Amino acid sequence: MAEGTCAAVPVGRFAPSPTGPLHFGSLVAAVGSFCLARCAGGRWLVRIEDLDTPRVVAGAAEDILRTLERFGLTWDGPVWRQSRRREHYEAALNRLAGQGRLFACGCSRKEVLASAPHVGEEGPVYPGTCRQGVPGGRPARAWRLRVPDRLIEFDDPVWGRQRQNLAVEVGDFVLRRADGLFAYQLAVVVDDAASGITQVVRGQDLLASTPRQLYLQQCLGYPAPQYLHLPLALGPDGTKVSKRHGALAVPESLEPGELLWRALHFLGQGVPEELYGAPAPELLAWALSCFRAERIPARSAPAG
């Protein structure tokens, strides 16, 4: 977990993107985050991450919320929507600019890929082309955060000690995109701090994003939440089950209790066989008394 953080009563969250209906991988993330927050007597919040407007599907947010309710995954407080919080991201961006941490960038993604020293886990590593100013009087396309040449480290309860040198493995990263939209990394850090999130439980595909978020939290003076990354549910081709890749919605033909049992089993919780297909309230009651982070496997596996 993040260095120097400890929350006696956690505030967790589930933050889906409304790019389609809830699928099994999202259900696993929702169940894991819900149980880890509520097992410790904490609160569980829901945030709709609808900032990337070209990818938002009409009605998807409402469908996701209805599905959560069908499974008994009830949240505390109002649902936050990133599309209504742009002024907060603007304020954070201006604060970073005032600290001298931002610079304008005129590079396209194609140009970055062509000139990057190598391609890391998160894509091409930005080579610093515009750090000293946009060359040749070209128009600025985006705003990037200067990153340090040092390790960012944290402990994840499932995956162990994590280390990343942002300068070497990521490079200066975008906080405001060429299309004017704020980047995920900035929005999620601002929202987690504003809503008092102390526990971030999400999929292992976001593990490599955590050092960037920890560094942004340092820059903005925000406390670091505790981070735990869950194994990914994989499709038949071995890739992550996701809405972007056409994953099917959680089927309404199956009873919520059956899918909850599968999600808990996927998370290594040793849910008794006799509870398979039990009503959702009964399964959640079992989970809230028995769920343990140390049982979560450090490996992704086929969904279901």
C-alpha atoms as a PDB file:
ATOM      1  CA  MET A   1       0.000   0.000   0.000  1.00  0.00           C
ATOM      2  CA  ALA A   2       1.054   3.580  -0.430  1.00  0.00           C
ATOM      3  CA  GLU A   3       3.828   4.693   1.907  1.00  0.00           C
ATOM      4  CA  GLY A   4       2.822   6.456   5.097  1.00  0.00           C
ATOM      5  CA  THR A   5      -0.915   5.902   4.854  1.00  0.00           C
ATOM      6  CA  CYS A   6      -3.216   4.088   7.239  1.00  0.00           C
ATOM      7  CA  ALA A   7      -6.973   4.462   7.496  1.00  0.00           C
ATOM      8  CA  ALA A   8      -8.722   2.861  10.473  1.00  0.00           C
ATOM      9  CA  VAL A   9     -12.120   3.264   8.804  1.00  0.00           C
ATOM     10  CA  PRO A  10     -11.640   3.195   5.028  1.00  0.00           C
ATOM     11  CA  VAL A  11     -13.499   5.117   2.373  1.00  0.00           C
ATOM     12  CA  GLY A  12     -13.478   3.022  -0.778  1.00  0.00           C
ATOM     13  CA  ARG A  13     -14.956   3.576  -4.207  1.00  0.00           C
ATOM     14  CA  PHE A  14     -16.033   1.988  -7.466  1.00  0.00           C
ATOM     15  CA  ALA A  15     -15.488   4.184 -10.496  1.00  0.00           C
ATOM     16  CA  PRO A  16     -16.792   2.657 -13.752  1.00  0.00           C
ATOM     17  CA  SER A  17     -16.646   4.316 -17.154  1.00  0.00           C
ATOM     18  CA  PRO A  18     -20.068   4.407 -18.859  1.00  0.00           C
ATOM     19  CA  THR A  19     -18.851   2.970 -22.145  1.00  0.00           C
ATOM     20  CA  GLY A  20     -21.233   0.020 -21.982  1.00  0.00           C
ATOM     21  CA  PRO A  21     -23.001  -2.265 -19.487  1.00  0.00           C
ATOM     22  CA  LEU A  22     -21.367  -3.822 -16.452  1.00  0.00           C
ATOM     23  CA  HIS A  23     -19.457  -6.998 -17.315  1.00  0.00           C
ATOM     24  CA  PHE A  24     -17.953  -9.752 -15.152  1.00  0.00           C
ATOM     25  CA  GLY A  25     -14.583  -8.003 -14.803  1.00  0.00           C
ATOM     26  CA  SER A  26     -16.289  -4.847 -13.563  1.00  0.00           C
ATOM     27  CA  LEU A  27     -18.432  -6.903 -11.189  1.00  0.00           C
ATOM     28  CA  VAL A  28     -15.275  -8.412  -9.692  1.00  0.00           C
ATOM     29  CA  ALA A  29     -13.872  -4.916  -9.093  1.00  0.00           C
ATOM     30  CA  ALA A  30     -17.140  -3.729  -7.577  1.00  0.00           C
ATOM     31  CA  VAL A  31     -17.434  -6.745  -5.269  1.00  0.00           C
ATOM     32  CA  GLY A  32     -13.792  -6.544  -4.176  1.00  0.00           C
ATOM     33  CA  SER A  33     -13.874  -2.828  -3.426  1.00  0.00           C
ATOM     34  CA  PHE A  34     -17.279  -3.091  -1.698  1.00  0.00           C
ATOM     35  CA  CYS A  35     -16.226  -5.953   0.563  1.00  0.00           C
ATOM     36  CA  LEU A  36     -12.844  -4.509   1.548  1.00  0.00           C
ATOM     37  CA  ALA A  37     -14.409  -1.181   2.513  1.00  0.00           C
ATOM     38  CA  ARG A  38     -17.471  -2.525   4.292  1.00  0.00           C
ATOM     39  CA  CYS A  39     -15.651  -5.393   6.077  1.00  0.00           C
ATOM     40  CA  ALA A  40     -13.681  -2.731   7.956  1.00  0.00           C
ATOM     41  CA  GLY A  41     -16.818  -0.724   8.748  1.00  0.00           C
ATOM     42  CA  GLY A  42     -16.006   1.821   6.063  1.00  0.00           C
ATOM     43  CA  ARG A  43     -17.946   3.685   3.419  1.00  0.00           C
ATOM     44  CA  TRP A  44     -18.227   2.759  -0.265  1.00  0.00           C
ATOM     45  CA  LEU A  45     -18.765   5.453  -2.886  1.00  0.00           C
ATOM     46  CA  VAL A  46     -19.605   5.306  -6.586  1.00  0.00           C
ATOM     47  CA  ARG A  47     -18.203   7.685  -9.183  1.00  0.00           C
ATOM     48  CA  ILE A  48     -19.097   7.678 -12.885  1.00  0.00           C
ATOM     49  CA  GLU A  49     -15.974   8.412 -14.923  1.00  0.00           C
ATOM     50  CA  ASP A  50     -17.635   9.981 -17.965  1.00  0.00           C
ATOM     51  CA  LEU A  51     -14.945  12.505 -18.788  1.00  0.00           C
ATOM     52  CA  ASP A  52     -13.932  10.841 -22.069  1.00  0.00           C
ATOM     53  CA  THR A  53     -17.111  11.988 -23.803  1.00  0.00           C
ATOM     54  CA  PRO A  54     -16.443  10.401 -27.244  1.00  0.00           C
ATOM     55  CA  ARG A  55     -16.552   6.943 -25.605  1.00  0.00           C
ATOM     56  CA  VAL A  56     -19.605   7.485 -23.391  1.00  0.00           C
ATOM     57  CA  VAL A  57     -22.647   5.385 -24.332  1.00  0.00           C
ATOM     58  CA  ALA A  58     -26.021   6.987 -23.682  1.00  0.00           C
ATOM     59  CA  GLY A  59     -27.838   5.314 -20.792  1.00  0.00           C
ATOM     60  CA  ALA A  60     -24.847   3.193 -19.749  1.00  0.00           C
ATOM     61  CA  ALA A  61     -24.321   4.986 -16.420  1.00  0.00           C
ATOM     62  CA  GLU A  62     -27.915   4.410 -15.354  1.00  0.00           C
ATOM     63  CA  ASP A  63     -27.705   0.767 -16.445  1.00  0.00           C
ATOM     64  CA  ILE A  64     -24.544   0.255 -14.354  1.00  0.00           C
ATOM     65  CA  LEU A  65     -26.178   1.775 -11.284  1.00  0.00           C
ATOM     66  CA  ARG A  66     -29.258  -0.422 -11.691  1.00  0.00           C
ATOM     67  CA  THR A  67     -27.051  -3.510 -11.985  1.00  0.00           C
ATOM     68  CA  LEU A  68     -25.162  -2.632  -8.795  1.00  0.00           C
ATOM     69  CA  GLU A  69     -28.475  -2.266  -6.960  1.00  0.00           C
ATOM     70  CA  ARG A  70     -29.641  -5.635  -8.333  1.00  0.00           C
ATOM     71  CA  PHE A  71     -26.602  -7.240  -6.701  1.00  0.00           C
ATOM     72  CA  GLY A  72     -27.156  -5.458  -3.392  1.00  0.00           C
ATOM     73  CA  LEU A  73     -24.034  -3.316  -3.853  1.00  0.00           C
ATOM     74  CA  THR A  74     -25.509  -0.144  -2.397  1.00  0.00           C
ATOM     75  CA  TRP A  75     -23.352   2.954  -2.103  1.00  0.00           C
ATOM     76  CA  ASP A  76     -23.069   5.779   0.398  1.00  0.00           C
ATOM     77  CA  GLY A  77     -23.820   9.365  -0.548  1.00  0.00           C
ATOM     78  CA  PRO A  78     -24.497  10.829  -3.983  1.00  0.00           C
ATOM     79  CA  VAL A  79     -23.019   9.428  -7.192  1.00  0.00           C
ATOM     80  CA  TRP A  80     -20.265  11.691  -8.508  1.00  0.00           C
ATOM     81  CA  ARG A  81     -19.967  12.312 -12.254  1.00  0.00           C
ATOM     82  CA  GLN A  82     -16.698  13.580 -13.659  1.00  0.00           C
ATOM     83  CA  SER A  83     -18.431  15.440 -16.480  1.00  0.00           C
ATOM     84  CA  ARG A  84     -19.783  17.859 -13.845  1.00  0.00           C
ATOM     85  CA  ARG A  85     -16.407  18.525 -12.202  1.00  0.00           C
ATOM     86  CA  ARG A  86     -14.316  20.077 -14.952  1.00  0.00           C
ATOM     87  CA  GLU A  87     -13.715  23.298 -13.034  1.00  0.00           C
ATOM     88  CA  HIS A  88     -11.987  21.298 -10.283  1.00  0.00           C
ATOM     89  CA  TYR A  89      -9.597  19.719 -12.794  1.00  0.00           C
ATOM     90  CA  GLU A  90      -8.945  23.149 -14.298  1.00  0.00           C
ATOM     91  CA  ALA A  91      -8.082  24.497 -10.845  1.00  0.00           C
ATOM     92  CA  ALA A  92      -5.640  21.637 -10.192  1.00  0.00           C
ATOM     93  CA  LEU A  93      -4.041  22.132 -13.609  1.00  0.00           C
ATOM     94  CA  ASN A  94      -3.596  25.856 -12.930  1.00  0.00           C
ATOM     95  CA  ARG A  95      -2.053  25.053  -9.564  1.00  0.00           C
ATOM     96  CA  LEU A  96       0.501  22.760 -11.171  1.00  0.00           C
ATOM     97  CA  ALA A  97       1.218  25.385 -13.824  1.00  0.00           C
ATOM     98  CA  GLY A  98       1.822  27.949 -11.084  1.00  0.00           C
ATOM     99  CA  GLN A  99       4.395  25.585  -9.576  1.00  0.00           C
ATOM    100  CA  GLY A 100       6.229  25.434 -12.909  1.00  0.00           C
ATOM    101  CA  ARG A 101       5.519  21.728 -13.296  1.00  0.00           C
ATOM    102  CA  LEU A 102       3.708  21.852 -16.675  1.00  0.00           C
ATOM    103  CA  PHE A 103       4.823  22.503 -20.218  1.00  0.00           C
ATOM    104  CA  ALA A 104       3.040  22.767 -23.536  1.00  0.00           C
ATOM    105  CA  CYS A 105       3.625  19.962 -26.034  1.00  0.00           C
ATOM    106  CA  GLY A 106       3.159  20.120 -29.799  1.00  0.00           C
ATOM    107  CA  CYS A 107       3.847  16.417 -30.493  1.00  0.00           C
ATOM    108  CA  SER A 108       1.277  14.047 -31.951  1.00  0.00           C
ATOM    109  CA  ARG A 109       1.099  10.480 -30.672  1.00  0.00           C
ATOM    110  CA  LYS A 110       2.573   9.306 -33.984  1.00  0.00           C
ATOM    111  CA  GLU A 111       5.546  11.632 -33.526  1.00  0.00           C
ATOM    112  CA  VAL A 112       6.077  10.505 -29.949  1.00  0.00           C
ATOM    113  CA  LEU A 113       6.034   6.870 -31.049  1.00  0.00           C
ATOM    114  CA  ALA A 114       8.539   7.591 -33.827  1.00  0.00           C
ATOM    115  CA  SER A 115      10.974   9.420 -31.526  1.00  0.00           C
ATOM    116  CA  ALA A 116      10.489   7.542 -28.241  1.00  0.00           C
ATOM    117  CA  PRO A 117      13.579   5.776 -26.880  1.00  0.00           C
ATOM    118  CA  HIS A 118      11.439   2.712 -26.252  1.00  0.00           C
ATOM    119  CA  VAL A 119       7.850   1.596 -25.735  1.00  0.00           C
ATOM    120  CA  GLY A 120       7.037   0.822 -22.115  1.00  0.00           C
ATOM    121  CA  GLU A 121       4.166  -1.056 -20.535  1.00  0.00           C
ATOM    122  CA  GLU A 122       1.979   2.059 -20.853  1.00  0.00           C
ATOM    123  CA  GLY A 123       2.987   2.923 -24.424  1.00  0.00           C
ATOM    124  CA  PRO A 124       5.764   5.042 -25.939  1.00  0.00           C
ATOM    125  CA  VAL A 125       8.005   6.796 -23.403  1.00  0.00           C
ATOM    126  CA  TYR A 126       7.873  10.525 -24.078  1.00  0.00           C
ATOM    127  CA  PRO A 127      11.410  11.675 -25.064  1.00  0.00           C
ATOM    128  CA  GLY A 128      11.099  15.259 -23.728  1.00  0.00           C
ATOM    129  CA  THR A 129      10.895  16.914 -27.147  1.00  0.00           C
ATOM    130  CA  CYS A 130       9.015  20.005 -25.923  1.00  0.00           C
ATOM    131  CA  ARG A 131      10.402  20.288 -22.387  1.00  0.00           C
ATOM    132  CA  GLN A 132      12.310  23.447 -23.278  1.00  0.00           C
ATOM    133  CA  GLY A 133       9.577  24.844 -25.517  1.00  0.00           C
ATOM    134  CA  VAL A 134       7.550  23.739 -28.529  1.00  0.00           C
ATOM    135  CA  PRO A 135      10.067  23.605 -31.412  1.00  0.00           C
ATOM    136  CA  GLY A 136       9.618  25.521 -34.638  1.00  0.00           C
ATOM    137  CA  GLY A 137       6.766  27.674 -33.440  1.00  0.00           C
ATOM    138  CA  ARG A 138       4.322  24.769 -33.727  1.00  0.00           C
ATOM    139  CA  PRO A 139       1.005  25.100 -31.894  1.00  0.00           C
ATOM    140  CA  ALA A 140       0.689  23.469 -28.483  1.00  0.00           C
ATOM    141  CA  ARG A 141      -1.461  20.335 -28.575  1.00  0.00           C
ATOM    142  CA  ALA A 142      -1.427  19.211 -24.961  1.00  0.00           C
ATOM    143  CA  TRP A 143      -0.067  19.972 -21.485  1.00  0.00           C
ATOM    144  CA  ARG A 144       2.384  17.576 -19.855  1.00  0.00           C
ATOM    145  CA  LEU A 145       3.648  17.161 -16.288  1.00  0.00           C
ATOM    146  CA  ARG A 146       7.414  17.142 -15.773  1.00  0.00           C
ATOM    147  CA  VAL A 147       8.414  13.962 -13.962  1.00  0.00           C
ATOM    148  CA  PRO A 148      11.475  13.265 -11.805  1.00  0.00           C
ATOM    149  CA  ASP A 149      14.238  10.816 -12.604  1.00  0.00           C
ATOM    150  CA  ARG A 150      13.723   8.774  -9.447  1.00  0.00           C
ATOM    151  CA  LEU A 151      11.838   5.719  -8.256  1.00  0.00           C
ATOM    152  CA  ILE A 152       8.255   5.923  -7.053  1.00  0.00           C
ATOM    153  CA  GLU A 153       7.580   2.963  -4.755  1.00  0.00           C
ATOM    154  CA  PHE A 154       4.577   1.487  -2.972  1.00  0.00           C
ATOM    155  CA  ASP A 155       3.398  -1.831  -1.567  1.00  0.00           C
ATOM    156  CA  ASP A 156       0.401  -3.615  -3.028  1.00  0.00           C
ATOM    157  CA  PRO A 157      -1.060  -6.323  -0.739  1.00  0.00           C
ATOM    158  CA  VAL A 158      -1.628  -8.651  -3.713  1.00  0.00           C
ATOM    159  CA  TRP A 159       1.322  -7.919  -6.024  1.00  0.00           C
ATOM    160  CA  GLY A 160       3.990  -6.892  -3.511  1.00  0.00           C
ATOM    161  CA  ARG A 161       6.527  -4.076  -3.703  1.00  0.00           C
ATOM    162  CA  GLN A 162       6.162  -1.940  -6.833  1.00  0.00           C
ATOM    163  CA  ARG A 163       8.837   0.369  -8.251  1.00  0.00           C
ATOM    164  CA  GLN A 164       8.688   2.663 -11.249  1.00  0.00           C
ATOM    165  CA  ASN A 165      10.991   5.390 -12.522  1.00  0.00           C
ATOM    166  CA  LEU A 166       8.587   7.760 -14.237  1.00  0.00           C
ATOM    167  CA  ALA A 167      11.279   9.445 -16.344  1.00  0.00           C
ATOM    168  CA  VAL A 168      12.561   6.135 -17.704  1.00  0.00           C
ATOM    169  CA  GLU A 169       9.350   4.080 -17.961  1.00  0.00           C
ATOM    170  CA  VAL A 170       6.683   6.682 -18.754  1.00  0.00           C
ATOM    171  CA  GLY A 171       8.172  10.100 -19.416  1.00  0.00           C
ATOM    172  CA  ASP A 172       6.441  13.440 -18.894  1.00  0.00           C
ATOM    173  CA  PHE A 173       2.754  12.536 -19.154  1.00  0.00           C
ATOM    174  CA  VAL A 174      -0.293  14.370 -20.474  1.00  0.00           C
ATOM    175  CA  LEU A 175      -2.722  16.059 -18.087  1.00  0.00           C
ATOM    176  CA  ARG A 176      -4.746  17.905 -20.711  1.00  0.00           C
ATOM    177  CA  ARG A 177      -5.165  16.253 -24.077  1.00  0.00           C
ATOM    178  CA  ALA A 178      -4.972  17.743 -27.540  1.00  0.00           C
ATOM    179  CA  ASP A 179      -8.783  17.602 -27.782  1.00  0.00           C
ATOM    180  CA  GLY A 180      -9.079  19.731 -24.646  1.00  0.00           C
ATOM    181  CA  LEU A 181     -10.240  16.906 -22.378  1.00  0.00           C
ATOM    182  CA  PHE A 182      -8.566  16.368 -19.023  1.00  0.00           C
ATOM    183  CA  ALA A 183      -6.573  13.162 -18.704  1.00  0.00           C
ATOM    184  CA  TYR A 184      -7.683  10.282 -16.500  1.00  0.00           C
ATOM    185  CA  GLN A 185      -4.604  10.583 -14.263  1.00  0.00           C
ATOM    186  CA  LEU A 186      -5.448  14.141 -13.207  1.00  0.00           C
ATOM    187  CA  ALA A 187      -9.201  13.659 -12.819  1.00  0.00           C
ATOM    188  CA  VAL A 188      -8.934  10.513 -10.693  1.00  0.00           C
ATOM    189  CA  VAL A 189      -6.406  12.087  -8.320  1.00  0.00           C
ATOM    190  CA  VAL A 190      -8.476  15.244  -7.869  1.00  0.00           C
ATOM    191  CA  ASP A 191     -11.694  13.280  -7.312  1.00  0.00           C
ATOM    192  CA  ASP A 192     -10.187  10.772  -4.883  1.00  0.00           C
ATOM    193  CA  ALA A 193      -8.821  13.605  -2.755  1.00  0.00           C
ATOM    194  CA  ALA A 194     -12.026  15.666  -2.900  1.00  0.00           C
ATOM    195  CA  SER A 195     -14.243  12.730  -1.874  1.00  0.00           C
ATOM    196  CA  GLY A 196     -11.921  11.591   0.926  1.00  0.00           C
ATOM    197  CA  ILE A 197     -11.004   8.250  -0.638  1.00  0.00           C
ATOM    198  CA  THR A 198      -8.524   6.356   1.528  1.00  0.00           C
ATOM    199  CA  GLN A 199      -8.710   2.930  -0.160  1.00  0.00           C
ATOM    200  CA  VAL A 200      -8.458   2.341  -3.918  1.00  0.00           C
ATOM    201  CA  VAL A 201      -9.334  -1.217  -4.984  1.00  0.00           C
ATOM    202  CA  ARG A 202      -9.323  -1.767  -8.758  1.00  0.00           C
ATOM    203  CA  GLY A 203      -8.059  -4.013 -11.546  1.00  0.00           C
ATOM    204  CA  GLN A 204      -4.425  -5.011 -12.032  1.00  0.00           C
ATOM    205  CA  ASP A 205      -4.427  -3.260 -15.425  1.00  0.00           C
ATOM    206  CA  LEU A 206      -4.186   0.045 -13.519  1.00  0.00           C
ATOM    207  CA  LEU A 207      -1.221  -1.044 -11.383  1.00  0.00           C
ATOM    208  CA  ALA A 208       1.242   0.787 -13.648  1.00  0.00           C
ATOM    209  CA  SER A 209      -0.802   4.006 -13.349  1.00  0.00           C
ATOM    210  CA  THR A 210      -0.408   4.163  -9.583  1.00  0.00           C
ATOM    211  CA  PRO A 211       3.103   5.730  -9.517  1.00  0.00           C
ATOM    212  CA  ARG A 212       1.870   8.598 -11.695  1.00  0.00           C
ATOM    213  CA  GLN A 213      -1.044   9.156  -9.350  1.00  0.00           C
ATOM    214  CA  LEU A 214       1.215   9.009  -6.289  1.00  0.00           C
ATOM    215  CA  TYR A 215       3.482  11.616  -7.851  1.00  0.00           C
ATOM    216  CA  LEU A 216       0.536  13.862  -8.719  1.00  0.00           C
ATOM    217  CA  GLN A 217      -0.696  13.553  -5.144  1.00  0.00           C
ATOM    218  CA  GLN A 218       2.725  14.675  -3.936  1.00  0.00           C
ATOM    219  CA  CYS A 219       2.698  17.654  -6.298  1.00  0.00           C
ATOM    220  CA  LEU A 220      -0.790  18.740  -5.213  1.00  0.00           C
ATOM    221  CA  GLY A 221      -0.277  18.061  -1.513  1.00  0.00           C
ATOM    222  CA  TYR A 222      -2.944  15.355  -1.359  1.00  0.00           C
ATOM    223  CA  PRO A 223      -2.779  12.344   0.993  1.00  0.00           C
ATOM    224  CA  ALA A 224      -2.086   9.033  -0.726  1.00  0.00           C
ATOM    225  CA  PRO A 225      -4.810   6.368  -0.513  1.00  0.00           C
ATOM    226  CA  GLN A 226      -4.021   2.731   0.105  1.00  0.00           C
ATOM    227  CA  TYR A 227      -3.884   0.834  -3.205  1.00  0.00           C
ATOM    228  CA  LEU A 228      -4.841  -2.779  -3.876  1.00  0.00           C
ATOM    229  CA  HIS A 229      -5.108  -4.209  -7.387  1.00  0.00           C
ATOM    230  CA  LEU A 230      -7.302  -7.192  -8.160  1.00  0.00           C
ATOM    231  CA  PRO A 231      -6.512  -9.912 -10.721  1.00  0.00           C
ATOM    232  CA  LEU A 232      -8.120  -9.476 -14.121  1.00  0.00           C
ATOM    233  CA  ALA A 233     -10.911 -11.582 -15.531  1.00  0.00           C
ATOM    234  CA  LEU A 234      -9.762 -12.856 -18.929  1.00  0.00           C
ATOM    235  CA  GLY A 235     -11.751 -13.701 -22.027  1.00  0.00           C
ATOM    236  CA  PRO A 236     -11.353 -16.870 -24.131  1.00  0.00           C
ATOM    237  CA  ASP A 237      -8.469 -15.266 -26.061  1.00  0.00           C
ATOM    238  CA  GLY A 238      -6.523 -14.562 -22.880  1.00  0.00           C
ATOM    239  CA  THR A 239      -7.042 -10.792 -22.960  1.00  0.00           C
ATOM    240  CA  LYS A 240      -8.780  -8.687 -20.334  1.00  0.00           C
ATOM    241  CA  VAL A 241     -12.571  -8.815 -20.377  1.00  0.00           C
ATOM    242  CA  SER A 242     -13.587  -5.238 -21.143  1.00  0.00           C
ATOM    243  CA  LYS A 243     -16.411  -3.177 -22.570  1.00  0.00           C
ATOM    244  CA  ARG A 244     -14.011  -1.684 -25.096  1.00  0.00           C
ATOM    245  CA  HIS A 245     -13.333  -5.116 -26.569  1.00  0.00           C
ATOM    246  CA  GLY A 246     -16.978  -6.101 -26.812  1.00  0.00           C
ATOM    247  CA  ALA A 247     -17.449  -7.920 -23.516  1.00  0.00           C
ATOM    248  CA  LEU A 248     -21.027  -8.943 -22.886  1.00  0.00           C
ATOM    249  CA  ALA A 249     -23.029  -7.455 -20.062  1.00  0.00           C
ATOM    250  CA  VAL A 250     -23.584  -9.322 -16.822  1.00  0.00           C
ATOM    251  CA  PRO A 251     -26.442 -11.578 -17.988  1.00  0.00           C
ATOM    252  CA  GLU A 252     -29.836 -10.938 -16.434  1.00  0.00           C
ATOM    253  CA  SER A 253     -30.698 -14.580 -17.073  1.00  0.00           C
ATOM    254  CA  LEU A 254     -28.485 -15.593 -14.130  1.00  0.00           C
ATOM    255  CA  GLU A 255     -29.524 -14.903 -10.577  1.00  0.00           C
ATOM    256  CA  PRO A 256     -27.427 -12.228  -8.800  1.00  0.00           C
ATOM    257  CA  GLY A 257     -26.443 -14.766  -6.133  1.00  0.00           C
ATOM    258  CA  GLU A 258     -24.924 -17.075  -8.747  1.00  0.00           C
ATOM    259  CA  LEU A 259     -22.765 -14.320 -10.231  1.00  0.00           C
ATOM    260  CA  LEU A 260     -21.784 -13.017  -6.786  1.00  0.00           C
ATOM    261  CA  TRP A 261     -20.621 -16.517  -5.860  1.00  0.00           C
ATOM    262  CA  ARG A 262     -18.536 -16.641  -9.046  1.00  0.00           C
ATOM    263  CA  ALA A 263     -17.007 -13.223  -8.355  1.00  0.00           C
ATOM    264  CA  LEU A 264     -16.102 -14.154  -4.785  1.00  0.00           C
ATOM    265  CA  HIS A 265     -14.685 -17.485  -5.960  1.00  0.00           C
ATOM    266  CA  PHE A 266     -12.640 -15.642  -8.611  1.00  0.00           C
ATOM    267  CA  LEU A 267     -11.217 -13.467  -5.821  1.00  0.00           C
ATOM    268  CA  GLY A 268     -10.044 -16.559  -3.947  1.00  0.00           C
ATOM    269  CA  GLN A 269     -12.409 -16.198  -1.012  1.00  0.00           C
ATOM    270  CA  GLY A 270     -13.271 -19.889  -0.568  1.00  0.00           C
ATOM    271  CA  VAL A 271     -16.993 -19.266  -0.593  1.00  0.00           C
ATOM    272  CA  PRO A 272     -18.788 -22.494   0.417  1.00  0.00           C
ATOM    273  CA  GLU A 273     -20.222 -24.567  -2.406  1.00  0.00           C
ATOM    274  CA  GLU A 274     -23.582 -24.734  -0.626  1.00  0.00           C
ATOM    275  CA  LEU A 275     -23.924 -20.967  -1.036  1.00  0.00           C
ATOM    276  CA  TYR A 276     -23.789 -21.227  -4.824  1.00  0.00           C
ATOM    277  CA  GLY A 277     -26.926 -19.531  -6.125  1.00  0.00           C
ATOM    278  CA  ALA A 278     -27.989 -18.371  -2.654  1.00  0.00           C
ATOM    279  CA  PRO A 279     -29.827 -15.028  -2.547  1.00  0.00           C
ATOM    280  CA  ALA A 280     -27.546 -12.019  -2.958  1.00  0.00           C
ATOM    281  CA  PRO A 281     -28.160 -10.691   0.594  1.00  0.00           C
ATOM    282  CA  GLU A 282     -27.090 -14.019   2.090  1.00  0.00           C
ATOM    283  CA  LEU A 283     -23.906 -14.137   0.016  1.00  0.00           C
ATOM    284  CA  LEU A 284     -23.027 -10.542   0.837  1.00  0.00           C
ATOM    285  CA  ALA A 285     -23.575 -11.219   4.540  1.00  0.00           C
ATOM    286  CA  TRP A 286     -21.129 -14.140   4.294  1.00  0.00           C
ATOM    287  CA  ALA A 287     -18.632 -12.017   2.343  1.00  0.00           C
ATOM    288  CA  LEU A 288     -18.742  -9.121   4.793  1.00  0.00           C
ATOM    289  CA  SER A 289     -17.796 -11.445   7.640  1.00  0.00           C
ATOM    290  CA  CYS A 290     -15.274 -13.619   5.775  1.00  0.00           C
ATOM    291  CA  PHE A 291     -13.626 -11.574   2.974  1.00  0.00           C
ATOM    292  CA  ARG A 292      -9.820 -11.384   3.387  1.00  0.00           C
ATOM    293  CA  ALA A 293      -7.368  -9.463   1.200  1.00  0.00           C
ATOM    294  CA  GLU A 294      -4.625 -12.055   1.792  1.00  0.00           C
ATOM    295  CA  ARG A 295      -6.692 -14.675  -0.068  1.00  0.00           C
ATOM    296  CA  ILE A 296      -6.809 -12.704  -3.324  1.00  0.00           C
ATOM    297  CA  PRO A 297      -4.639 -14.504  -5.913  1.00  0.00           C
ATOM    298  CA  ALA A 298      -1.806 -12.660  -7.668  1.00  0.00           C
ATOM    299  CA  ARG A 299      -2.765 -14.030 -11.083  1.00  0.00           C
ATOM    300  CA  SER A 300      -5.403 -13.246 -13.653  1.00  0.00           C
ATOM    301  CA  ALA A 301      -7.707 -16.036 -14.780  1.00  0.00           C
ATOM    302  CA  PRO A 302     -10.587 -16.832 -17.167  1.00  0.00           C
ATOM    303  CA  ALA A 303     -13.819 -15.060 -16.288  1.00  0.00           C
ATOM    304  CA  GLY A 304     -16.703 -16.812 -14.577  1.00  0.00           C
END
